[in-house]
């Protein structure tokens, strides 16, 4: 992927973390322009830690000196880490005014973070809005046909969100979730 970005001479590359935090492969980038922390969930606890605070401290390992961190979270640990590293903290309000065609309130919050980051680097607001409204994310609350819904819910938080979204559909038939 990195070689592809270099060969194509991209202006900006969006690289999603896998594990997240100190031990994530994205830490090969020594000075990312922007980082995002969307939420703190109990996942990868064998590496990131068992408590939410240990997971947060570990996830803050993606933040580098001069980085802009966009997050809806705001607590003393995030503030302290950003201050110590000379990173710029952008706390994104949870009441999003940015729309996407992705289902779920959490997607609007994530889109709000992306919108603010792109706007802050000088991109055209209308083009950002148009791009965010055209997003397609296969495998996330995707109907394959009128009887088959798939989702890649991979942790407790995402499973709760999926359950809430399915419940809002008021489906009267049995729903089977496979892992």
N, C-alpha and C. Protein backbone atom coordinates (compact mmCIF):
# COMPACT_ATOMS: atom_id res chain seq x y z
N UNK A 1 0.82 -1.18 0.00
CA UNK A 1 0.00 0.00 0.00
C UNK A 1 0.87 1.25 0.00
N UNK A 2 1.87 1.27 0.84
CA UNK A 2 2.73 2.45 0.93
C UNK A 2 3.48 2.66 -0.38
N UNK A 3 3.97 1.60 -0.96
CA UNK A 3 4.65 1.72 -2.25
C UNK A 3 3.70 2.23 -3.33
N UNK A 4 2.46 1.77 -3.28
CA UNK A 4 1.45 2.24 -4.23
C UNK A 4 1.25 3.75 -4.08
N UNK A 5 1.10 4.21 -2.84
CA UNK A 5 0.92 5.65 -2.60
C UNK A 5 2.13 6.44 -3.11
N UNK A 6 3.32 5.91 -2.91
CA UNK A 6 4.53 6.59 -3.38
C UNK A 6 4.56 6.61 -4.90
N UNK A 7 4.29 5.46 -5.52
CA UNK A 7 4.29 5.38 -6.99
C UNK A 7 3.26 6.32 -7.61
N UNK A 8 2.11 6.44 -6.97
CA UNK A 8 1.03 7.28 -7.50
C UNK A 8 1.18 8.75 -7.10
N UNK A 9 2.18 9.04 -6.27
CA UNK A 9 2.45 10.42 -5.83
C UNK A 9 1.20 11.08 -5.25
N UNK A 10 0.53 10.37 -4.33
CA UNK A 10 -0.69 10.91 -3.73
C UNK A 10 -0.34 12.10 -2.84
N UNK A 11 -1.26 13.06 -2.79
CA UNK A 11 -1.07 14.22 -1.91
C UNK A 11 -1.33 13.84 -0.46
N UNK A 12 -2.37 13.05 -0.24
CA UNK A 12 -2.73 12.60 1.10
C UNK A 12 -3.10 11.13 1.03
N UNK A 13 -2.69 10.38 2.04
CA UNK A 13 -3.07 8.97 2.15
C UNK A 13 -3.83 8.77 3.44
N UNK A 14 -4.94 8.08 3.36
CA UNK A 14 -5.72 7.73 4.54
C UNK A 14 -5.37 6.28 4.88
N UNK A 15 -4.83 6.08 6.07
CA UNK A 15 -4.39 4.76 6.48
C UNK A 15 -5.09 4.42 7.80
N UNK A 16 -5.92 3.39 7.77
CA UNK A 16 -6.66 3.01 8.97
C UNK A 16 -5.80 2.10 9.84
N UNK A 17 -5.87 2.33 11.13
CA UNK A 17 -5.14 1.47 12.05
C UNK A 17 -5.78 0.10 12.06
N UNK A 18 -5.00 -0.89 12.42
CA UNK A 18 -5.54 -2.23 12.59
C UNK A 18 -5.77 -2.45 14.07
N UNK A 19 -4.71 -2.64 14.80
CA UNK A 19 -4.77 -2.84 16.23
C UNK A 19 -5.03 -1.51 16.94
N UNK A 20 -4.43 -0.46 16.45
CA UNK A 20 -4.56 0.84 17.10
C UNK A 20 -3.55 0.97 18.22
N UNK A 21 -3.01 2.17 18.36
CA UNK A 21 -2.14 2.44 19.50
C UNK A 21 -0.67 2.23 19.26
N UNK A 22 0.03 2.09 20.36
CA UNK A 22 1.49 2.02 20.37
C UNK A 22 2.02 0.95 19.44
N UNK A 23 1.37 -0.21 19.40
CA UNK A 23 1.88 -1.35 18.64
C UNK A 23 1.31 -1.45 17.23
N UNK A 24 0.61 -0.41 16.77
CA UNK A 24 -0.01 -0.46 15.45
C UNK A 24 1.01 -0.25 14.35
N UNK A 25 0.80 -0.92 13.23
CA UNK A 25 1.69 -0.82 12.08
C UNK A 25 1.76 0.58 11.49
N UNK A 26 0.74 1.40 11.73
CA UNK A 26 0.77 2.77 11.18
C UNK A 26 1.82 3.64 11.86
N UNK A 27 2.41 3.16 12.93
CA UNK A 27 3.44 3.94 13.62
C UNK A 27 4.74 4.02 12.82
N UNK A 28 4.79 3.39 11.65
CA UNK A 28 5.94 3.60 10.78
C UNK A 28 5.95 5.03 10.25
N UNK A 29 4.79 5.70 10.30
CA UNK A 29 4.71 7.10 9.90
C UNK A 29 5.10 7.94 11.11
N UNK A 30 6.22 8.63 11.00
CA UNK A 30 6.74 9.36 12.16
C UNK A 30 6.05 10.69 12.40
N UNK A 31 5.41 11.24 11.38
CA UNK A 31 4.75 12.54 11.58
C UNK A 31 3.46 12.63 10.77
N UNK A 32 2.44 11.86 11.18
CA UNK A 32 1.17 11.95 10.46
C UNK A 32 0.57 13.34 10.63
N UNK A 33 -0.08 13.80 9.59
CA UNK A 33 -0.72 15.12 9.64
C UNK A 33 -1.88 15.10 10.63
N UNK A 34 -2.69 14.06 10.55
CA UNK A 34 -3.91 13.98 11.34
C UNK A 34 -4.11 12.56 11.86
N UNK A 35 -4.63 12.46 13.06
CA UNK A 35 -5.03 11.17 13.65
C UNK A 35 -6.45 11.31 14.16
N UNK A 36 -7.14 10.19 14.23
CA UNK A 36 -8.50 10.16 14.73
C UNK A 36 -8.61 9.07 15.79
N UNK A 37 -9.30 9.37 16.87
CA UNK A 37 -9.71 8.35 17.83
C UNK A 37 -11.21 8.49 17.93
N UNK A 38 -11.92 7.49 17.41
CA UNK A 38 -13.38 7.59 17.34
C UNK A 38 -14.05 7.19 18.64
N UNK A 39 -13.51 6.18 19.30
CA UNK A 39 -14.09 5.70 20.55
C UNK A 39 -13.07 4.80 21.23
N UNK A 40 -13.35 4.49 22.47
CA UNK A 40 -12.51 3.55 23.22
C UNK A 40 -13.38 2.36 23.56
N UNK A 41 -13.09 1.23 22.95
CA UNK A 41 -13.87 0.02 23.20
C UNK A 41 -12.94 -1.08 23.71
N UNK A 42 -13.53 -2.04 24.35
CA UNK A 42 -12.75 -3.16 24.89
C UNK A 42 -12.51 -4.17 23.77
N UNK A 43 -11.45 -3.92 23.01
CA UNK A 43 -11.05 -4.83 21.95
C UNK A 43 -9.54 -4.97 22.00
N UNK A 44 -9.03 -6.05 21.49
CA UNK A 44 -7.59 -6.33 21.52
C UNK A 44 -7.02 -6.16 22.93
N UNK A 45 -7.80 -6.55 23.93
CA UNK A 45 -7.41 -6.33 25.32
C UNK A 45 -6.14 -7.08 25.71
N UNK A 46 -5.80 -8.14 24.99
CA UNK A 46 -4.57 -8.88 25.28
C UNK A 46 -3.33 -8.04 24.97
N UNK A 47 -3.48 -7.01 24.14
CA UNK A 47 -2.36 -6.13 23.80
C UNK A 47 -2.57 -4.72 24.35
N UNK A 48 -3.78 -4.19 24.18
CA UNK A 48 -4.05 -2.80 24.54
C UNK A 48 -4.30 -2.60 26.03
N UNK A 49 -4.68 -3.65 26.74
CA UNK A 49 -4.98 -3.54 28.16
C UNK A 49 -6.43 -3.90 28.44
N UNK A 50 -6.71 -4.15 29.68
CA UNK A 50 -8.05 -4.61 30.07
C UNK A 50 -8.99 -3.45 30.40
N UNK A 51 -8.48 -2.34 30.91
CA UNK A 51 -9.35 -1.23 31.31
C UNK A 51 -9.44 -0.19 30.20
N UNK A 52 -10.50 0.60 30.25
CA UNK A 52 -10.69 1.65 29.24
C UNK A 52 -9.55 2.66 29.29
N UNK A 53 -9.03 2.98 30.49
CA UNK A 53 -7.95 3.96 30.59
C UNK A 53 -6.66 3.40 30.00
N UNK A 54 -6.37 2.12 30.21
CA UNK A 54 -5.15 1.54 29.62
C UNK A 54 -5.29 1.45 28.10
N UNK A 55 -6.50 1.16 27.62
CA UNK A 55 -6.74 1.12 26.18
C UNK A 55 -6.57 2.52 25.59
N UNK A 56 -7.12 3.53 26.26
CA UNK A 56 -6.96 4.91 25.80
C UNK A 56 -5.50 5.31 25.76
N UNK A 57 -4.76 5.05 26.82
CA UNK A 57 -3.33 5.42 26.86
C UNK A 57 -2.59 4.75 25.70
N UNK A 58 -2.91 3.49 25.44
CA UNK A 58 -2.27 2.77 24.36
C UNK A 58 -2.65 3.37 23.01
N UNK A 59 -3.95 3.64 22.81
CA UNK A 59 -4.41 4.21 21.52
C UNK A 59 -3.81 5.58 21.27
N UNK A 60 -3.50 6.33 22.32
CA UNK A 60 -2.86 7.63 22.16
C UNK A 60 -1.44 7.49 21.61
N UNK A 61 -0.96 6.26 21.48
CA UNK A 61 0.36 6.01 20.90
C UNK A 61 0.45 6.35 19.42
N UNK A 62 -0.68 6.61 18.77
CA UNK A 62 -0.64 7.03 17.36
C UNK A 62 -0.36 8.51 17.22
N UNK A 63 -0.51 9.26 18.30
CA UNK A 63 -0.34 10.72 18.27
C UNK A 63 1.14 11.06 18.35
N UNK A 64 1.58 11.92 17.48
CA UNK A 64 2.99 12.34 17.43
C UNK A 64 3.08 13.86 17.59
N UNK A 65 4.28 14.34 17.79
CA UNK A 65 4.52 15.77 17.91
C UNK A 65 4.02 16.49 16.66
N UNK A 66 3.23 17.53 16.86
CA UNK A 66 2.72 18.31 15.74
C UNK A 66 1.48 17.75 15.07
N UNK A 67 1.08 16.53 15.44
CA UNK A 67 -0.10 15.89 14.86
C UNK A 67 -1.37 16.63 15.29
N UNK A 68 -2.37 16.59 14.45
CA UNK A 68 -3.70 17.07 14.81
C UNK A 68 -4.53 15.85 15.16
N UNK A 69 -5.06 15.81 16.39
CA UNK A 69 -5.90 14.70 16.83
C UNK A 69 -7.35 15.16 16.85
N UNK A 70 -8.19 14.47 16.08
CA UNK A 70 -9.63 14.73 16.05
C UNK A 70 -10.32 13.60 16.78
N UNK A 71 -11.18 13.96 17.73
CA UNK A 71 -11.88 12.96 18.53
C UNK A 71 -13.11 13.58 19.17
N UNK A 72 -14.17 12.79 19.38
CA UNK A 72 -15.30 13.30 20.15
C UNK A 72 -15.06 13.17 21.66
N UNK A 73 -13.97 12.52 22.02
CA UNK A 73 -13.64 12.29 23.42
C UNK A 73 -12.86 13.48 23.97
N UNK A 74 -13.09 13.80 25.21
CA UNK A 74 -12.34 14.89 25.82
C UNK A 74 -12.16 14.57 27.29
N UNK A 75 -10.95 14.20 27.64
CA UNK A 75 -10.66 13.95 29.05
C UNK A 75 -9.23 14.38 29.35
N UNK A 76 -8.86 14.34 30.59
CA UNK A 76 -7.57 14.84 31.03
C UNK A 76 -6.40 14.06 30.41
N UNK A 77 -6.57 12.75 30.22
CA UNK A 77 -5.49 11.94 29.63
C UNK A 77 -5.21 12.36 28.19
N UNK A 78 -6.26 12.59 27.41
CA UNK A 78 -6.08 13.03 26.03
C UNK A 78 -5.45 14.42 26.01
N UNK A 79 -5.96 15.32 26.84
CA UNK A 79 -5.42 16.68 26.91
C UNK A 79 -3.95 16.66 27.31
N UNK A 80 -3.62 15.87 28.33
CA UNK A 80 -2.24 15.79 28.82
C UNK A 80 -1.31 15.25 27.74
N UNK A 81 -1.71 14.17 27.08
CA UNK A 81 -0.87 13.58 26.04
C UNK A 81 -0.62 14.56 24.90
N UNK A 82 -1.67 15.22 24.45
CA UNK A 82 -1.52 16.20 23.37
C UNK A 82 -0.60 17.34 23.79
N UNK A 83 -0.77 17.81 25.02
CA UNK A 83 0.08 18.89 25.52
C UNK A 83 1.54 18.46 25.58
N UNK A 84 1.79 17.28 26.15
CA UNK A 84 3.16 16.77 26.28
C UNK A 84 3.83 16.58 24.93
N UNK A 85 3.08 16.17 23.92
CA UNK A 85 3.65 15.90 22.60
C UNK A 85 3.63 17.12 21.68
N UNK A 86 2.98 18.18 22.10
CA UNK A 86 2.84 19.33 21.22
C UNK A 86 1.90 19.03 20.06
N UNK A 87 0.92 18.18 20.32
CA UNK A 87 -0.09 17.84 19.31
C UNK A 87 -1.27 18.78 19.48
N UNK A 88 -2.04 18.94 18.42
CA UNK A 88 -3.18 19.84 18.41
C UNK A 88 -4.46 19.03 18.59
N UNK A 89 -5.17 19.27 19.69
CA UNK A 89 -6.39 18.53 19.99
C UNK A 89 -7.60 19.26 19.43
N UNK A 90 -8.41 18.54 18.67
CA UNK A 90 -9.66 19.06 18.12
C UNK A 90 -10.78 18.17 18.65
N UNK A 91 -11.53 18.66 19.63
CA UNK A 91 -12.64 17.89 20.17
C UNK A 91 -13.86 18.19 19.30
N UNK A 92 -14.35 17.16 18.65
CA UNK A 92 -15.45 17.28 17.70
C UNK A 92 -16.76 17.09 18.43
N UNK A 93 -17.67 18.03 18.24
CA UNK A 93 -18.98 17.95 18.89
C UNK A 93 -19.74 16.74 18.39
N UNK A 94 -20.48 16.12 19.28
CA UNK A 94 -21.22 14.91 18.92
C UNK A 94 -22.49 15.20 18.13
N UNK A 95 -22.93 16.44 18.09
CA UNK A 95 -24.15 16.77 17.33
C UNK A 95 -23.75 17.12 15.89
N UNK A 96 -23.60 16.10 15.11
CA UNK A 96 -23.10 16.25 13.74
C UNK A 96 -24.12 16.92 12.83
N UNK A 97 -23.60 17.78 11.98
CA UNK A 97 -24.44 18.38 10.93
C UNK A 97 -24.00 17.88 9.55
N UNK A 98 -23.16 16.87 9.55
CA UNK A 98 -22.66 16.28 8.31
C UNK A 98 -23.42 14.98 8.06
N UNK A 99 -23.90 14.82 6.85
CA UNK A 99 -24.67 13.63 6.50
C UNK A 99 -23.87 12.73 5.56
N UNK A 100 -24.08 11.44 5.73
CA UNK A 100 -23.53 10.45 4.79
C UNK A 100 -24.67 9.50 4.45
N UNK A 101 -24.42 8.62 3.51
CA UNK A 101 -25.43 7.60 3.22
C UNK A 101 -25.15 6.33 4.02
N UNK A 102 -24.20 6.38 4.94
CA UNK A 102 -23.92 5.23 5.79
C UNK A 102 -24.90 5.24 6.96
N UNK A 103 -25.47 4.09 7.29
CA UNK A 103 -26.44 4.05 8.38
C UNK A 103 -25.77 4.17 9.75
N UNK A 104 -26.45 4.82 10.66
CA UNK A 104 -25.99 4.91 12.05
C UNK A 104 -25.49 6.28 12.44
N UNK A 105 -25.85 6.71 13.64
CA UNK A 105 -25.41 8.01 14.17
C UNK A 105 -23.89 8.07 14.29
N UNK A 106 -23.28 6.93 14.64
CA UNK A 106 -21.83 6.91 14.79
C UNK A 106 -21.13 7.26 13.48
N UNK A 107 -21.74 6.91 12.35
CA UNK A 107 -21.13 7.24 11.05
C UNK A 107 -21.17 8.75 10.81
N UNK A 108 -22.24 9.40 11.26
CA UNK A 108 -22.31 10.85 11.13
C UNK A 108 -21.24 11.51 11.99
N UNK A 109 -21.02 10.99 13.19
CA UNK A 109 -19.96 11.53 14.07
C UNK A 109 -18.59 11.35 13.42
N UNK A 110 -18.36 10.17 12.85
CA UNK A 110 -17.08 9.93 12.19
C UNK A 110 -16.91 10.86 10.98
N UNK A 111 -18.00 11.04 10.23
CA UNK A 111 -17.96 11.94 9.07
C UNK A 111 -17.68 13.38 9.51
N UNK A 112 -18.22 13.77 10.66
CA UNK A 112 -17.97 15.11 11.19
C UNK A 112 -16.48 15.31 11.44
N UNK A 113 -15.82 14.31 12.01
CA UNK A 113 -14.38 14.41 12.26
C UNK A 113 -13.62 14.55 10.96
N UNK A 114 -13.97 13.73 9.96
CA UNK A 114 -13.31 13.79 8.66
C UNK A 114 -13.53 15.16 8.02
N UNK A 115 -14.77 15.63 8.08
CA UNK A 115 -15.10 16.93 7.50
C UNK A 115 -14.23 18.03 8.11
N UNK A 116 -14.16 18.06 9.44
CA UNK A 116 -13.38 19.11 10.11
C UNK A 116 -11.90 19.01 9.77
N UNK A 117 -11.37 17.81 9.71
CA UNK A 117 -9.94 17.64 9.39
C UNK A 117 -9.64 18.10 7.97
N UNK A 118 -10.48 17.70 7.01
CA UNK A 118 -10.26 18.10 5.61
C UNK A 118 -10.45 19.60 5.42
N UNK A 119 -11.44 20.15 6.08
CA UNK A 119 -11.67 21.60 6.02
C UNK A 119 -10.46 22.35 6.59
N UNK A 120 -9.91 21.83 7.69
CA UNK A 120 -8.79 22.50 8.35
C UNK A 120 -7.51 22.48 7.52
N UNK A 121 -7.40 21.54 6.58
CA UNK A 121 -6.21 21.55 5.71
C UNK A 121 -6.49 22.29 4.40
N UNK A 122 -7.68 22.91 4.32
CA UNK A 122 -7.96 23.80 3.20
C UNK A 122 -8.79 23.24 2.07
N UNK A 123 -9.37 22.07 2.24
CA UNK A 123 -10.19 21.52 1.18
C UNK A 123 -11.55 22.22 1.13
N UNK A 124 -12.15 22.24 -0.04
CA UNK A 124 -13.43 22.89 -0.28
C UNK A 124 -14.55 22.17 0.48
N UNK A 125 -15.30 22.93 1.28
CA UNK A 125 -16.34 22.34 2.13
C UNK A 125 -17.43 21.63 1.32
N UNK A 126 -17.84 22.21 0.22
CA UNK A 126 -18.90 21.59 -0.57
C UNK A 126 -18.42 20.28 -1.19
N UNK A 127 -17.17 20.24 -1.63
CA UNK A 127 -16.62 18.99 -2.19
C UNK A 127 -16.49 17.92 -1.11
N UNK A 128 -16.14 18.34 0.10
CA UNK A 128 -16.05 17.37 1.20
C UNK A 128 -17.44 16.79 1.47
N UNK A 129 -18.45 17.65 1.56
CA UNK A 129 -19.82 17.19 1.82
C UNK A 129 -20.29 16.22 0.72
N UNK A 130 -20.02 16.57 -0.52
CA UNK A 130 -20.41 15.71 -1.64
C UNK A 130 -19.71 14.36 -1.54
N UNK A 131 -18.43 14.39 -1.24
CA UNK A 131 -17.69 13.14 -1.11
C UNK A 131 -18.20 12.27 0.02
N UNK A 132 -18.49 12.88 1.16
CA UNK A 132 -18.99 12.11 2.31
C UNK A 132 -20.37 11.53 2.04
N UNK A 133 -21.18 12.24 1.26
CA UNK A 133 -22.51 11.72 0.95
C UNK A 133 -22.46 10.56 -0.05
N UNK A 134 -21.36 10.41 -0.77
CA UNK A 134 -21.23 9.34 -1.75
C UNK A 134 -20.50 8.11 -1.25
N UNK A 135 -20.22 8.06 0.04
CA UNK A 135 -19.46 6.93 0.58
C UNK A 135 -20.26 5.63 0.50
N UNK A 136 -19.59 4.57 0.12
CA UNK A 136 -20.16 3.23 0.14
C UNK A 136 -19.16 2.36 0.90
N UNK A 137 -19.62 1.67 1.92
CA UNK A 137 -18.75 0.85 2.74
C UNK A 137 -19.28 -0.58 2.76
N UNK A 138 -18.83 -1.41 1.81
CA UNK A 138 -19.36 -2.78 1.72
C UNK A 138 -19.14 -3.55 3.01
N UNK A 139 -20.15 -4.30 3.37
CA UNK A 139 -20.05 -5.14 4.55
C UNK A 139 -20.47 -4.46 5.83
N UNK A 140 -20.82 -3.20 5.78
CA UNK A 140 -21.31 -2.49 6.97
C UNK A 140 -22.80 -2.23 6.80
N UNK A 141 -23.62 -2.97 7.51
CA UNK A 141 -25.07 -2.87 7.45
C UNK A 141 -25.54 -2.85 6.00
N UNK A 142 -25.09 -3.86 5.26
CA UNK A 142 -25.36 -3.93 3.82
C UNK A 142 -26.37 -5.03 3.53
N UNK A 143 -27.43 -4.66 2.84
CA UNK A 143 -28.43 -5.63 2.41
C UNK A 143 -27.97 -6.26 1.10
N UNK A 144 -27.71 -7.58 1.13
CA UNK A 144 -27.33 -8.30 -0.09
C UNK A 144 -28.56 -8.60 -0.94
N UNK A 145 -29.67 -8.85 -0.27
CA UNK A 145 -30.98 -9.02 -0.91
C UNK A 145 -32.02 -8.72 0.17
N UNK A 146 -33.29 -8.91 -0.11
CA UNK A 146 -34.31 -8.50 0.86
C UNK A 146 -34.34 -9.37 2.12
N UNK A 147 -33.59 -10.46 2.13
CA UNK A 147 -33.57 -11.35 3.30
C UNK A 147 -32.21 -11.43 3.97
N UNK A 148 -31.18 -10.84 3.39
CA UNK A 148 -29.83 -11.03 3.92
C UNK A 148 -29.15 -9.71 4.18
N UNK A 149 -28.87 -9.48 5.46
CA UNK A 149 -28.16 -8.29 5.92
C UNK A 149 -26.81 -8.74 6.46
N UNK A 150 -25.74 -8.08 6.03
CA UNK A 150 -24.42 -8.41 6.56
C UNK A 150 -23.82 -7.19 7.23
N UNK A 151 -23.00 -7.45 8.23
CA UNK A 151 -22.28 -6.38 8.91
C UNK A 151 -21.00 -6.96 9.49
N UNK A 152 -19.99 -6.14 9.59
CA UNK A 152 -18.69 -6.59 10.09
C UNK A 152 -18.47 -6.18 11.53
N UNK A 153 -19.54 -6.12 12.31
CA UNK A 153 -19.41 -5.77 13.73
C UNK A 153 -18.35 -6.66 14.36
N UNK A 154 -17.28 -6.05 14.85
CA UNK A 154 -16.14 -6.85 15.30
C UNK A 154 -15.78 -6.65 16.77
N UNK A 155 -16.60 -5.91 17.50
CA UNK A 155 -16.35 -5.76 18.93
C UNK A 155 -17.68 -5.48 19.63
N UNK A 156 -17.65 -5.42 20.96
CA UNK A 156 -18.89 -5.27 21.72
C UNK A 156 -19.65 -4.00 21.33
N UNK A 157 -18.95 -2.89 21.18
CA UNK A 157 -19.62 -1.64 20.82
C UNK A 157 -20.32 -1.75 19.47
N UNK A 158 -19.62 -2.29 18.48
CA UNK A 158 -20.22 -2.43 17.15
C UNK A 158 -21.38 -3.42 17.15
N UNK A 159 -21.29 -4.45 17.96
CA UNK A 159 -22.40 -5.41 18.06
C UNK A 159 -23.62 -4.73 18.68
N UNK A 160 -23.41 -3.91 19.72
CA UNK A 160 -24.53 -3.18 20.32
C UNK A 160 -25.16 -2.22 19.31
N UNK A 161 -24.33 -1.53 18.54
CA UNK A 161 -24.85 -0.62 17.51
C UNK A 161 -25.66 -1.40 16.48
N UNK A 162 -25.13 -2.54 16.04
CA UNK A 162 -25.84 -3.38 15.07
C UNK A 162 -27.18 -3.85 15.64
N UNK A 163 -27.18 -4.30 16.89
CA UNK A 163 -28.42 -4.74 17.52
C UNK A 163 -29.45 -3.61 17.54
N UNK A 164 -29.01 -2.43 17.89
CA UNK A 164 -29.91 -1.27 17.95
C UNK A 164 -30.47 -0.94 16.57
N UNK A 165 -29.62 -1.01 15.55
CA UNK A 165 -30.06 -0.71 14.20
C UNK A 165 -31.05 -1.77 13.70
N UNK A 166 -30.79 -3.04 14.00
CA UNK A 166 -31.71 -4.10 13.60
C UNK A 166 -33.05 -3.93 14.33
N UNK A 167 -32.98 -3.61 15.62
CA UNK A 167 -34.22 -3.41 16.39
C UNK A 167 -35.04 -2.26 15.81
N UNK A 168 -34.37 -1.21 15.34
CA UNK A 168 -35.10 -0.06 14.78
C UNK A 168 -35.83 -0.42 13.48
N UNK A 169 -35.40 -1.50 12.82
CA UNK A 169 -36.07 -1.93 11.59
C UNK A 169 -37.40 -2.61 11.87
N UNK A 170 -37.61 -3.02 13.12
CA UNK A 170 -38.84 -3.73 13.53
C UNK A 170 -39.08 -4.97 12.67
N UNK A 171 -38.01 -5.75 12.50
CA UNK A 171 -38.10 -7.00 11.75
C UNK A 171 -38.88 -8.02 12.58
N UNK A 172 -39.85 -8.65 11.98
CA UNK A 172 -40.69 -9.60 12.69
C UNK A 172 -40.20 -11.03 12.55
N UNK A 173 -39.11 -11.21 11.83
CA UNK A 173 -38.60 -12.56 11.64
C UNK A 173 -37.35 -12.73 12.49
N UNK A 174 -36.91 -13.96 12.59
CA UNK A 174 -35.72 -14.27 13.34
C UNK A 174 -34.48 -13.73 12.64
N UNK A 175 -33.57 -13.18 13.42
CA UNK A 175 -32.31 -12.67 12.89
C UNK A 175 -31.19 -13.57 13.39
N UNK A 176 -30.35 -14.03 12.50
CA UNK A 176 -29.22 -14.88 12.87
C UNK A 176 -27.95 -14.09 12.65
N UNK A 177 -27.11 -14.04 13.67
CA UNK A 177 -25.85 -13.32 13.57
C UNK A 177 -24.74 -14.36 13.61
N UNK A 178 -23.88 -14.34 12.62
CA UNK A 178 -22.78 -15.29 12.53
C UNK A 178 -21.45 -14.58 12.81
N UNK A 179 -20.58 -15.24 13.51
CA UNK A 179 -19.24 -14.68 13.79
C UNK A 179 -18.19 -15.60 13.24
